[in-house]
Every structure is written in C-alpha cells, then in structure tokens.
C-alpha cells in the first residue's frame, strides 16, 4: 500500500511533508504541530479519561477526562481536534509540496496522477486498519485516512485555482451541507431511537429545528444505511454506535481547504508579523462564527457528523494552535524544543499505522517483561497511564531510529 524509502527530511510526503517557504527554508511550525497532533492521538494509550473515574470530585481530573476523549455529541474537546488538525495540515502542506515537486521538473499531470494514487491508497489503508479485528473486510469510510482520501483529489485540483475560488468553494460546501441536513426530514415523535442504538430520552437529543442533527436519525445516517449495505458485510448495517458517518468527508474537505488557504497565506511573501496577525484574526473569527451558529440554534457543533458549525469552530481552534507554534518556531526562532515533535511529525503515517497495529503488542510486552517493576513503582490506579506512557516512549524511540536513518514511511 505504501513504500518505505530512504530519503532526506526534505522529501517526505504531503501528509508528513516538511513544508518549505519560497526560499526553501523549513516551516517548522507545521512539522511541530503535526507531531503534537499525532502525540495527542497516541495519548489514547494512557486511558486518562478512564483513570479520571477514580477521582469523581476533582475538577482537574474532570477537565483531563473531558479533553482526552470524544464528547458524546455536542461540543468539542481537545481530543476532538485531532482529526480536524490532521486534515487541516494536509491542506496546509499542499502549496509547499506542489511548489517543491514542480521545482524538480514534475508536470501537472505527473502530480495529478500521484494525487489520484495517493487518494486511493489512503482510502484502502483506512479500510484495512479498520478491518483488523473483523472476520472479513470491514467496509467503513469514517476513518481519518479514508475521509482525507475521499476528498484529496478535489483538494489537489483546488490548489491550482485562485485563493478566492478556494474560499468560495469552502463556503459553498458549508452552506450546502447544512442545507442538506436541514431539508432532510427530522425524526418524528414516534421515531424508534432504540432501533438505532440511541436511548429514547437521551439527554443529547435535540428538539425543534436542531433535531435534524440528532444521532442516527439524520441525513448522514440515512445515507450510510443505503451506501454501506452495498458492500459485503458480516451483518447488515443499521447504525454506527458512535454516530460517525461517511458523508463527513464533505465538510472534512472544507477543513482541508481551510488548511490550503492557510498554507497559501504562510507561503506568501508577507512579513512574519502579518502572517501571525492573519492566523490569530482568522482563527478567532472562525471560532466566533461557529459559536454563533450554535447559540442562534442554526447549526450545532457536532464532530461525529462534522457539522458546518463544527468545521468553523474546530478550524478556528486549529489555526490558533498553529499560530502558537508559528510564534515559537518560525517567529521567535526557538526550535530546539520542538525536536521531539518533529521526530513524530515527519513520520505521521508510520505512527498512525503503529498505533493501530502495534499498541496492544507493545503494551503486553511491557506487562510481561517490566510488569512487576512497574507495579511496585506505580499504584494500581495509575498503571494504565504508566503502560500508556511506555507505549508512547517505545513508539517515539522507533521513530527516532527512523529519523536518524532518514527512513520515512511514504504513501
């Protein structure tokens, strides 16, 4: 599905590509931010949200629990920013990637063919990873890689259009996606929520206009009931337990376009001060717009169906986070601290695959060989955290070994 190649850090792919400015200097903020996003994903291994149950009266642990797991429906935790952050960075790296490849003599059609091939591999890899614990191929399209792959070719084509065109397309996606949900019939008072895995009196069910976005009773759910049953399955698809859906790839594309616009902004000849101001103002504006949509009961902020307001809100937060990294690495020039993040960020596909395929093996190995030592040093409550940190350290050391030998997993 991919290949492991020996290459310099300047040659890795668009998903983990070290972005370059027009004078070929590295934009370390993108690499460091990507590494942070991947470490937040890998932090699932520590099970902090489960450990927090041992401290029901601690507001600190309540905050940790909230931000290390997905919210049940409405809202957005730090954990809910992992996928939009990853998707955003795909778009942000694209202007630099295209400029780098074209400077090496590649034509548009060579780049286009590569984009189509990459999109196909991302979709297949996402399905493959989701099928690991199934008896047959598990056709599902809500995986991060698959969602990116579904919109990747269109994103690539947009990269050759004017910035105004990119912004208009993003806006049309958000409006049309919102409109499609609003036009799809809302669940009536007799809708059988239990049949789709939702408690009838679930506290997160909306009433009135917002009920168009209720879990497993909305447009995306109806599409998947039709679409996913076109594929061979272990049993017919009725609902997704978490409410995740295939059609989220459409607003995910809007998130990637937002990244594309940001990449164009950072690649421009503007001063660093102007770029930083643009990131802060743009990010804050998007956050406010997302909140207004929710407060005005126009569209709720729900990641699991990637609502238009969630696209705005999460995109704004991601840009503000990137602005922080830009200040430290590219504006202030403080770069040494970011090295551990760069090791991860420049091999994002590798760490993504490792987290799906090797986490249980590494955890079990730690229990077998170091379990007695760890149990003496750490209380039973914090054993999951200790083993999770051990998994993260092991993976990081593997990535460090790859980094020093200039080995980058490339799709």
Protein backbone atom coordinates (compact mmCIF):
# COMPACT_ATOMS: atom_id res chain seq x y z
CA UNK A 1 0.00 0.00 0.00
CA UNK A 2 2.92 2.26 0.54
CA UNK A 3 6.65 2.10 0.44
CA UNK A 4 9.44 2.73 2.87
CA UNK A 5 12.11 4.83 1.24
CA UNK A 6 15.45 6.22 2.23
CA UNK A 7 15.25 9.95 1.72
CA UNK A 8 16.26 13.24 3.25
CA UNK A 9 13.83 15.02 5.56
CA UNK A 10 13.13 17.47 2.71
CA UNK A 11 11.47 14.77 0.60
CA UNK A 12 8.70 13.27 2.68
CA UNK A 13 5.11 13.21 1.50
CA UNK A 14 2.34 15.77 1.67
CA UNK A 15 0.80 14.35 4.83
CA UNK A 16 4.09 14.47 6.69
CA UNK A 17 5.92 16.74 4.31
CA UNK A 18 8.23 19.26 5.96
CA UNK A 19 6.82 22.44 4.50
CA UNK A 20 9.16 24.90 2.88
CA UNK A 21 8.86 28.55 2.20
CA UNK A 22 9.69 30.14 -1.11
CA UNK A 23 13.34 30.42 -0.15
CA UNK A 24 13.41 26.69 0.73
CA UNK A 25 13.68 27.32 4.48
CA UNK A 26 11.65 24.93 6.60
CA UNK A 27 8.39 25.96 8.18
CA UNK A 28 8.94 24.03 11.37
CA UNK A 29 5.65 25.14 12.89
CA UNK A 30 3.73 22.80 10.55
CA UNK A 31 6.00 19.86 11.36
CA UNK A 32 5.93 20.51 15.12
CA UNK A 33 2.16 20.97 15.13
CA UNK A 34 1.70 17.75 13.17
CA UNK A 35 3.84 15.92 15.71
CA UNK A 36 1.70 17.31 18.53
CA UNK A 37 -1.50 16.16 16.82
CA UNK A 38 -0.12 12.65 16.42
CA UNK A 39 1.01 12.51 20.05
CA UNK A 40 -2.46 13.61 21.17
CA UNK A 41 -3.84 10.71 19.14
CA UNK A 42 -1.33 8.28 20.64
CA UNK A 43 -2.16 9.55 24.13
CA UNK A 44 -5.29 7.39 23.95
CA UNK A 45 -2.95 4.61 25.14
CA UNK A 46 -2.80 6.18 28.62
CA UNK A 47 -6.59 5.83 29.14
CA UNK A 48 -6.63 9.07 31.14
CA UNK A 49 -10.38 9.51 30.74
CA UNK A 50 -10.90 6.12 32.41
CA UNK A 51 -8.38 6.82 35.19
CA UNK A 52 -10.27 10.03 35.96
CA UNK A 53 -13.22 7.98 37.23
CA UNK A 54 -11.17 7.24 40.34
CA UNK A 55 -11.32 10.96 41.19
CA UNK A 56 -15.00 11.89 40.77
CA UNK A 57 -14.73 15.08 42.85
CA UNK A 58 -11.62 16.53 41.22
CA UNK A 59 -12.22 19.34 38.71
CA UNK A 60 -8.69 18.83 37.38
CA UNK A 61 -9.38 15.19 36.55
CA UNK A 62 -12.77 16.15 35.18
CA UNK A 63 -11.03 18.51 32.74
CA UNK A 64 -8.48 15.82 31.85
CA UNK A 65 -11.25 13.29 31.24
CA UNK A 66 -13.18 15.72 29.04
CA UNK A 67 -10.18 16.58 26.88
CA UNK A 68 -8.80 13.07 26.41
CA UNK A 69 -11.97 11.57 24.93
CA UNK A 70 -14.60 12.45 22.34
CA UNK A 71 -17.61 14.35 23.62
CA UNK A 72 -20.81 12.32 23.43
CA UNK A 73 -22.44 14.58 20.86
CA UNK A 74 -22.47 18.38 21.04
CA UNK A 75 -19.27 20.24 21.88
CA UNK A 76 -15.59 19.90 21.16
CA UNK A 77 -12.81 18.63 23.41
CA UNK A 78 -9.08 18.74 22.74
CA UNK A 79 -9.37 15.11 21.63
CA UNK A 80 -11.99 16.17 19.09
CA UNK A 81 -9.41 18.43 17.43
CA UNK A 82 -7.10 15.58 16.43
CA UNK A 83 -8.87 14.64 13.20
CA UNK A 84 -9.53 18.22 12.02
CA UNK A 85 -5.93 19.10 12.91
CA UNK A 86 -4.60 16.19 10.86
CA UNK A 87 -6.93 17.01 7.94
CA UNK A 88 -6.12 20.72 8.11
CA UNK A 89 -2.40 20.04 7.90
CA UNK A 90 -2.86 18.01 4.73
CA UNK A 91 -4.19 21.14 3.07
CA UNK A 92 -1.64 23.44 4.71
CA UNK A 93 1.28 21.38 3.40
CA UNK A 94 -0.04 21.14 -0.16
CA UNK A 95 1.13 24.53 -1.52
CA UNK A 96 4.65 23.80 -0.31
CA UNK A 97 4.55 20.24 -1.65
CA UNK A 98 3.37 21.28 -5.11
CA UNK A 99 5.96 24.06 -5.33
CA UNK A 100 8.72 21.66 -4.29
CA UNK A 101 7.74 18.98 -6.79
CA UNK A 102 7.30 21.42 -9.67
CA UNK A 103 10.70 22.93 -8.93
CA UNK A 104 12.10 19.44 -9.56
CA UNK A 105 10.55 19.37 -13.01
CA UNK A 106 7.35 17.40 -12.38
CA UNK A 107 4.44 18.32 -14.66
CA UNK A 108 0.84 18.90 -13.65
CA UNK A 109 -0.24 15.51 -15.00
CA UNK A 110 2.50 13.72 -13.08
CA UNK A 111 1.35 15.49 -9.93
CA UNK A 112 -2.28 14.69 -10.71
CA UNK A 113 -1.55 11.01 -11.22
CA UNK A 114 0.33 10.94 -7.94
CA UNK A 115 -2.60 12.64 -6.17
CA UNK A 116 -5.07 10.06 -7.52
CA UNK A 117 -2.80 7.18 -6.47
CA UNK A 118 -2.29 8.69 -3.02
CA UNK A 119 -6.03 9.20 -2.53
CA UNK A 120 -6.67 5.56 -3.45
CA UNK A 121 -4.01 4.31 -1.04
CA UNK A 122 -5.32 6.46 1.81
CA UNK A 123 -8.82 5.05 1.34
CA UNK A 124 -7.57 1.47 1.18
CA UNK A 125 -5.24 1.89 4.16
CA UNK A 126 -8.06 3.33 6.27
CA UNK A 127 -10.34 0.38 5.43
CA UNK A 128 -7.50 -2.08 6.08
CA UNK A 129 -6.79 -0.68 9.55
CA UNK A 130 -10.49 -0.70 10.47
CA UNK A 131 -10.73 -4.34 9.38
CA UNK A 132 -8.05 -5.66 11.73
CA UNK A 133 -10.45 -7.12 14.31
CA UNK A 134 -13.05 -8.36 11.83
CA UNK A 135 -13.51 -11.68 10.05
CA UNK A 136 -13.71 -10.06 6.62
CA UNK A 137 -13.03 -6.71 5.01
CA UNK A 138 -14.88 -4.13 7.06
CA UNK A 139 -16.06 -1.52 4.61
CA UNK A 140 -16.35 1.69 6.55
CA UNK A 141 -15.35 5.18 5.50
CA UNK A 142 -15.22 7.25 8.68
CA UNK A 143 -11.53 6.59 9.35
CA UNK A 144 -9.35 9.72 9.23
CA UNK A 145 -7.22 8.44 6.35
CA UNK A 146 -10.25 7.35 4.34
CA UNK A 147 -12.02 10.66 4.87
CA UNK A 148 -8.93 12.53 3.67
CA UNK A 149 -8.55 10.21 0.70
CA UNK A 150 -12.14 10.74 -0.44
CA UNK A 151 -11.60 14.48 -0.84
CA UNK A 152 -7.89 14.56 -1.66
CA UNK A 153 -8.04 14.75 -5.46
CA UNK A 154 -10.53 17.61 -5.35
CA UNK A 155 -8.29 19.40 -2.85
CA UNK A 156 -5.33 18.93 -5.19
CA UNK A 157 -7.24 20.46 -8.12
CA UNK A 158 -8.34 23.39 -5.97
CA UNK A 159 -4.69 24.09 -5.13
CA UNK A 160 -4.26 25.27 -8.75
CA UNK A 161 -7.10 27.80 -8.50
CA UNK A 162 -7.15 31.31 -7.10
CA UNK A 163 -7.47 31.85 -3.37
CA UNK A 164 -10.86 33.48 -3.91
CA UNK A 165 -12.10 30.36 -5.69
CA UNK A 166 -10.88 28.16 -2.85
CA UNK A 167 -12.68 30.31 -0.29
CA UNK A 168 -15.92 30.31 -2.30
CA UNK A 169 -15.85 26.53 -2.68
CA UNK A 170 -15.31 26.08 1.05
CA UNK A 171 -18.21 28.40 1.82
CA UNK A 172 -20.49 26.57 -0.65
CA UNK A 173 -19.62 23.23 0.94
CA UNK A 174 -20.57 24.50 4.39
CA UNK A 175 -23.83 26.09 3.24
CA UNK A 176 -24.91 23.13 1.07
CA UNK A 177 -24.02 20.55 3.72
CA UNK A 178 -26.01 22.49 6.31
CA UNK A 179 -28.90 22.88 3.89
CA UNK A 180 -28.98 19.17 3.07
CA UNK A 181 -29.31 18.27 6.75
CA UNK A 182 -31.95 20.95 7.27
CA UNK A 183 -34.02 19.67 4.32
CA UNK A 184 -33.83 16.01 5.31
CA UNK A 185 -36.92 15.13 7.41
CA UNK A 186 -36.31 15.40 11.15
CA UNK A 187 -37.19 12.34 13.28
CA UNK A 188 -40.81 12.49 14.37
CA UNK A 189 -42.18 11.91 17.87
CA UNK A 190 -42.65 8.20 17.12
CA UNK A 191 -39.14 7.64 15.75
CA UNK A 192 -37.71 4.38 17.14
CA UNK A 193 -34.41 5.61 18.60
CA UNK A 194 -33.77 2.27 20.34
CA UNK A 195 -33.58 0.59 16.92
CA UNK A 196 -30.59 2.79 16.01
CA UNK A 197 -28.75 2.47 19.31
CA UNK A 198 -29.91 5.73 20.91
CA UNK A 199 -31.78 5.83 24.23
CA UNK A 200 -35.26 7.33 23.61
CA UNK A 201 -34.75 10.00 26.26
CA UNK A 202 -31.06 10.56 25.57
CA UNK A 203 -30.06 13.91 27.06
CA UNK A 204 -28.21 14.90 23.88
CA UNK A 205 -31.22 14.58 21.58
CA UNK A 206 -32.34 17.93 20.21
CA UNK A 207 -35.88 19.21 19.82
CA UNK A 208 -37.23 21.64 17.25
CA UNK A 209 -35.10 22.63 14.26
CA UNK A 210 -31.86 21.20 15.66
CA UNK A 211 -33.40 17.71 15.73
CA UNK A 212 -32.29 17.47 12.10
CA UNK A 213 -28.86 16.74 13.60
CA UNK A 214 -29.92 14.06 16.13
CA UNK A 215 -27.77 10.95 16.38
CA UNK A 216 -28.51 8.12 13.92
CA UNK A 217 -31.64 9.77 12.59
CA UNK A 218 -30.11 12.36 10.26
CA UNK A 219 -29.10 12.60 6.60
CA UNK A 220 -25.66 11.04 7.07
CA UNK A 221 -27.13 8.06 8.93
CA UNK A 222 -29.73 7.51 6.18
CA UNK A 223 -27.03 7.67 3.51
CA UNK A 224 -24.91 5.04 5.29
CA UNK A 225 -27.89 2.70 5.75
CA UNK A 226 -28.10 2.68 1.95
CA UNK A 227 -24.42 3.04 0.97
CA UNK A 228 -22.66 0.72 3.42
CA UNK A 229 -25.10 -2.11 2.71
CA UNK A 230 -23.94 -2.09 -0.92
CA UNK A 231 -20.75 -3.80 0.32
CA UNK A 232 -20.40 -7.35 1.64
CA UNK A 233 -20.77 -7.25 5.41
CA UNK A 234 -20.71 -9.59 8.38
CA UNK A 235 -24.20 -8.31 9.14
CA UNK A 236 -26.39 -5.58 7.63
CA UNK A 237 -25.52 -2.04 8.62
CA UNK A 238 -28.24 -0.45 10.77
CA UNK A 239 -26.35 2.27 12.63
CA UNK A 240 -22.90 3.34 13.76
CA UNK A 241 -22.65 3.12 17.54
CA UNK A 242 -20.78 6.41 17.77
CA UNK A 243 -22.82 8.18 15.13
CA UNK A 244 -19.83 8.54 12.78
CA UNK A 245 -20.63 8.73 9.09
CA UNK A 246 -19.26 8.52 5.55
CA UNK A 247 -20.62 11.88 4.41
CA UNK A 248 -18.37 13.66 6.91
CA UNK A 249 -15.72 13.58 4.19
CA UNK A 250 -17.52 16.52 2.54
CA UNK A 251 -17.08 19.02 5.41
CA UNK A 252 -13.69 17.40 6.08
CA UNK A 253 -12.78 18.62 2.61
CA UNK A 254 -13.82 22.11 3.76
CA UNK A 255 -11.39 21.72 6.68
CA UNK A 256 -8.64 20.70 4.26
CA UNK A 257 -9.44 23.72 2.06
CA UNK A 258 -9.12 25.90 5.15
CA UNK A 259 -5.68 24.37 5.59
CA UNK A 260 -4.92 25.04 1.93
CA UNK A 261 -5.83 28.71 2.38
CA UNK A 262 -3.64 28.87 5.48
CA UNK A 263 -0.76 27.25 3.62
CA UNK A 264 -1.07 29.81 0.83
CA UNK A 265 -1.03 32.57 3.46
CA UNK A 266 2.11 31.20 5.13
CA UNK A 267 3.81 30.66 1.77
CA UNK A 268 3.22 34.26 0.69
CA UNK A 269 5.84 37.00 0.77
CA UNK A 270 4.13 38.82 3.65
CA UNK A 271 6.14 39.59 6.76
CA UNK A 272 6.10 37.21 9.70
CA UNK A 273 4.18 39.78 11.74
CA UNK A 274 1.47 39.98 9.07
CA UNK A 275 1.25 36.20 8.83
CA UNK A 276 0.90 35.85 12.59
CA UNK A 277 -1.80 38.53 12.78
CA UNK A 278 -3.66 36.82 9.96
CA UNK A 279 -3.57 33.48 11.77
CA UNK A 280 -4.83 34.96 15.05
CA UNK A 281 -7.59 37.10 13.50
CA UNK A 282 -8.69 34.34 11.12
CA UNK A 283 -8.73 31.68 13.81
CA UNK A 284 -10.62 33.82 16.32
CA UNK A 285 -13.17 34.85 13.68
CA UNK A 286 -13.91 31.23 12.75
CA UNK A 287 -14.34 30.24 16.40
CA UNK A 288 -16.83 33.06 16.97
CA UNK A 289 -18.76 32.18 13.79
CA UNK A 290 -19.04 28.56 14.87
CA UNK A 291 -20.30 29.56 18.31
CA UNK A 292 -22.83 31.98 16.84
CA UNK A 293 -24.25 29.20 14.66
CA UNK A 294 -24.78 27.10 17.77
CA UNK A 295 -26.03 29.85 20.06
CA UNK A 296 -28.51 31.01 17.44
CA UNK A 297 -29.78 27.42 17.05
CA UNK A 298 -28.81 27.46 13.36
CA UNK A 299 -26.42 24.52 13.45
CA UNK A 300 -24.97 22.62 16.45
CA UNK A 301 -21.27 21.96 16.93
CA UNK A 302 -21.13 18.17 16.47
CA UNK A 303 -17.96 16.42 15.36
CA UNK A 304 -19.48 12.99 14.77
CA UNK A 305 -21.38 14.26 11.73
CA UNK A 306 -18.87 17.11 11.16
CA UNK A 307 -21.48 19.86 11.07
CA UNK A 308 -20.72 23.13 9.29
CA UNK A 309 -20.51 24.97 12.62
CA UNK A 310 -18.07 22.35 13.88
CA UNK A 311 -15.97 22.89 10.75
CA UNK A 312 -15.77 26.60 11.54
CA UNK A 313 -15.22 26.19 15.27
CA UNK A 314 -12.63 23.39 15.11
CA UNK A 315 -10.89 25.03 12.16
CA UNK A 316 -10.54 28.25 14.11
CA UNK A 317 -9.10 26.47 17.13
CA UNK A 318 -6.65 24.54 14.95
CA UNK A 319 -5.45 27.78 13.33
CA UNK A 320 -4.97 29.39 16.75
CA UNK A 321 -2.96 26.38 17.87
CA UNK A 322 -0.84 26.62 14.72
CA UNK A 323 -0.33 30.32 15.46
CA UNK A 324 1.18 29.35 18.81
CA UNK A 325 3.65 27.00 17.13
CA UNK A 326 4.40 29.64 14.49
CA UNK A 327 5.28 32.15 17.22
CA UNK A 328 7.70 29.79 18.94
CA UNK A 329 9.43 28.19 15.96
CA UNK A 330 9.24 30.50 12.93
CA UNK A 331 8.64 33.91 14.51
CA UNK A 332 10.82 33.73 17.63
CA UNK A 333 13.16 31.15 16.14
CA UNK A 334 13.10 28.86 19.21
CA UNK A 335 13.47 25.49 17.51
CA UNK A 336 15.43 23.06 19.66
CA UNK A 337 12.49 22.37 21.98
CA UNK A 338 10.45 21.14 19.01
CA UNK A 339 12.81 18.29 18.04
CA UNK A 340 10.81 15.53 19.83
CA UNK A 341 7.71 16.73 17.98
CA UNK A 342 9.49 16.86 14.62
CA UNK A 343 10.53 13.23 15.01
CA UNK A 344 6.85 12.30 15.17
CA UNK A 345 5.52 14.89 12.74
CA UNK A 346 7.83 13.85 9.92
CA UNK A 347 6.65 10.23 10.10
CA UNK A 348 2.94 10.71 10.72
CA UNK A 349 1.81 7.80 8.55
CA UNK A 350 4.20 5.49 10.40
CA UNK A 351 2.91 6.46 13.83
CA UNK A 352 -0.70 6.25 12.66
CA UNK A 353 -0.22 2.68 11.42
CA UNK A 354 1.80 1.72 14.51
CA UNK A 355 -0.94 2.96 16.81
CA UNK A 356 -3.47 0.69 15.09
CA UNK A 357 -1.32 -2.41 14.69
CA UNK A 358 1.29 -2.48 17.46
CA UNK A 359 -0.14 -0.80 20.55
CA UNK A 360 -1.56 -3.99 22.12
CA UNK A 361 1.63 -5.93 21.36
CA UNK A 362 3.89 -3.30 22.95
CA UNK A 363 1.63 -2.94 25.99
CA UNK A 364 1.53 -6.68 26.51
CA UNK A 365 5.33 -6.90 26.16
CA UNK A 366 5.77 -4.22 28.80
CA UNK A 367 3.46 -6.13 31.14
CA UNK A 368 5.37 -9.36 30.60
CA UNK A 369 8.91 -8.02 30.97
CA UNK A 370 8.51 -4.97 33.23
CA UNK A 371 5.13 -5.55 34.88
CA UNK A 372 6.49 -6.42 38.33
CA UNK A 373 8.81 -3.42 38.41
CA UNK A 374 6.13 -1.03 37.21
CA UNK A 375 3.53 -2.36 39.67
CA UNK A 376 5.93 -1.70 42.56
CA UNK A 377 6.62 1.86 41.41
CA UNK A 378 3.08 2.83 40.39
CA UNK A 379 -0.25 2.40 42.17
CA UNK A 380 -2.92 0.24 40.56
CA UNK A 381 -4.95 3.35 39.67
CA UNK A 382 -2.18 4.76 37.51
CA UNK A 383 -0.97 1.52 35.90
CA UNK A 384 -2.85 2.27 32.65
CA UNK A 385 -1.08 5.63 32.47
CA UNK A 386 2.32 4.06 33.10
CA UNK A 387 1.83 1.42 30.42
CA UNK A 388 0.44 4.01 28.03
CA UNK A 389 3.46 6.24 28.51
CA UNK A 390 5.64 3.19 27.96
CA UNK A 391 3.90 2.54 24.65
CA UNK A 392 4.34 6.17 23.61
CA UNK A 393 8.04 6.17 24.54
CA UNK A 394 8.63 2.92 22.67
CA UNK A 395 6.97 4.27 19.54
CA UNK A 396 8.91 7.52 19.80
CA UNK A 397 12.22 5.66 20.06
CA UNK A 398 11.32 3.69 16.93
CA UNK A 399 10.55 6.94 15.12
CA UNK A 400 13.81 8.46 16.38
CA UNK A 401 15.70 5.48 14.94
CA UNK A 402 13.89 6.00 11.61
CA UNK A 403 14.52 9.75 11.69
CA UNK A 404 18.26 9.37 12.24
CA UNK A 405 18.48 6.92 9.36
CA UNK A 406 16.30 9.15 7.17
CA UNK A 407 13.62 6.48 6.81
CA UNK A 408 10.15 7.88 6.24
CA UNK A 409 7.03 5.84 5.55
CA UNK A 410 5.73 7.22 2.31
CA UNK A 411 2.43 6.74 0.52
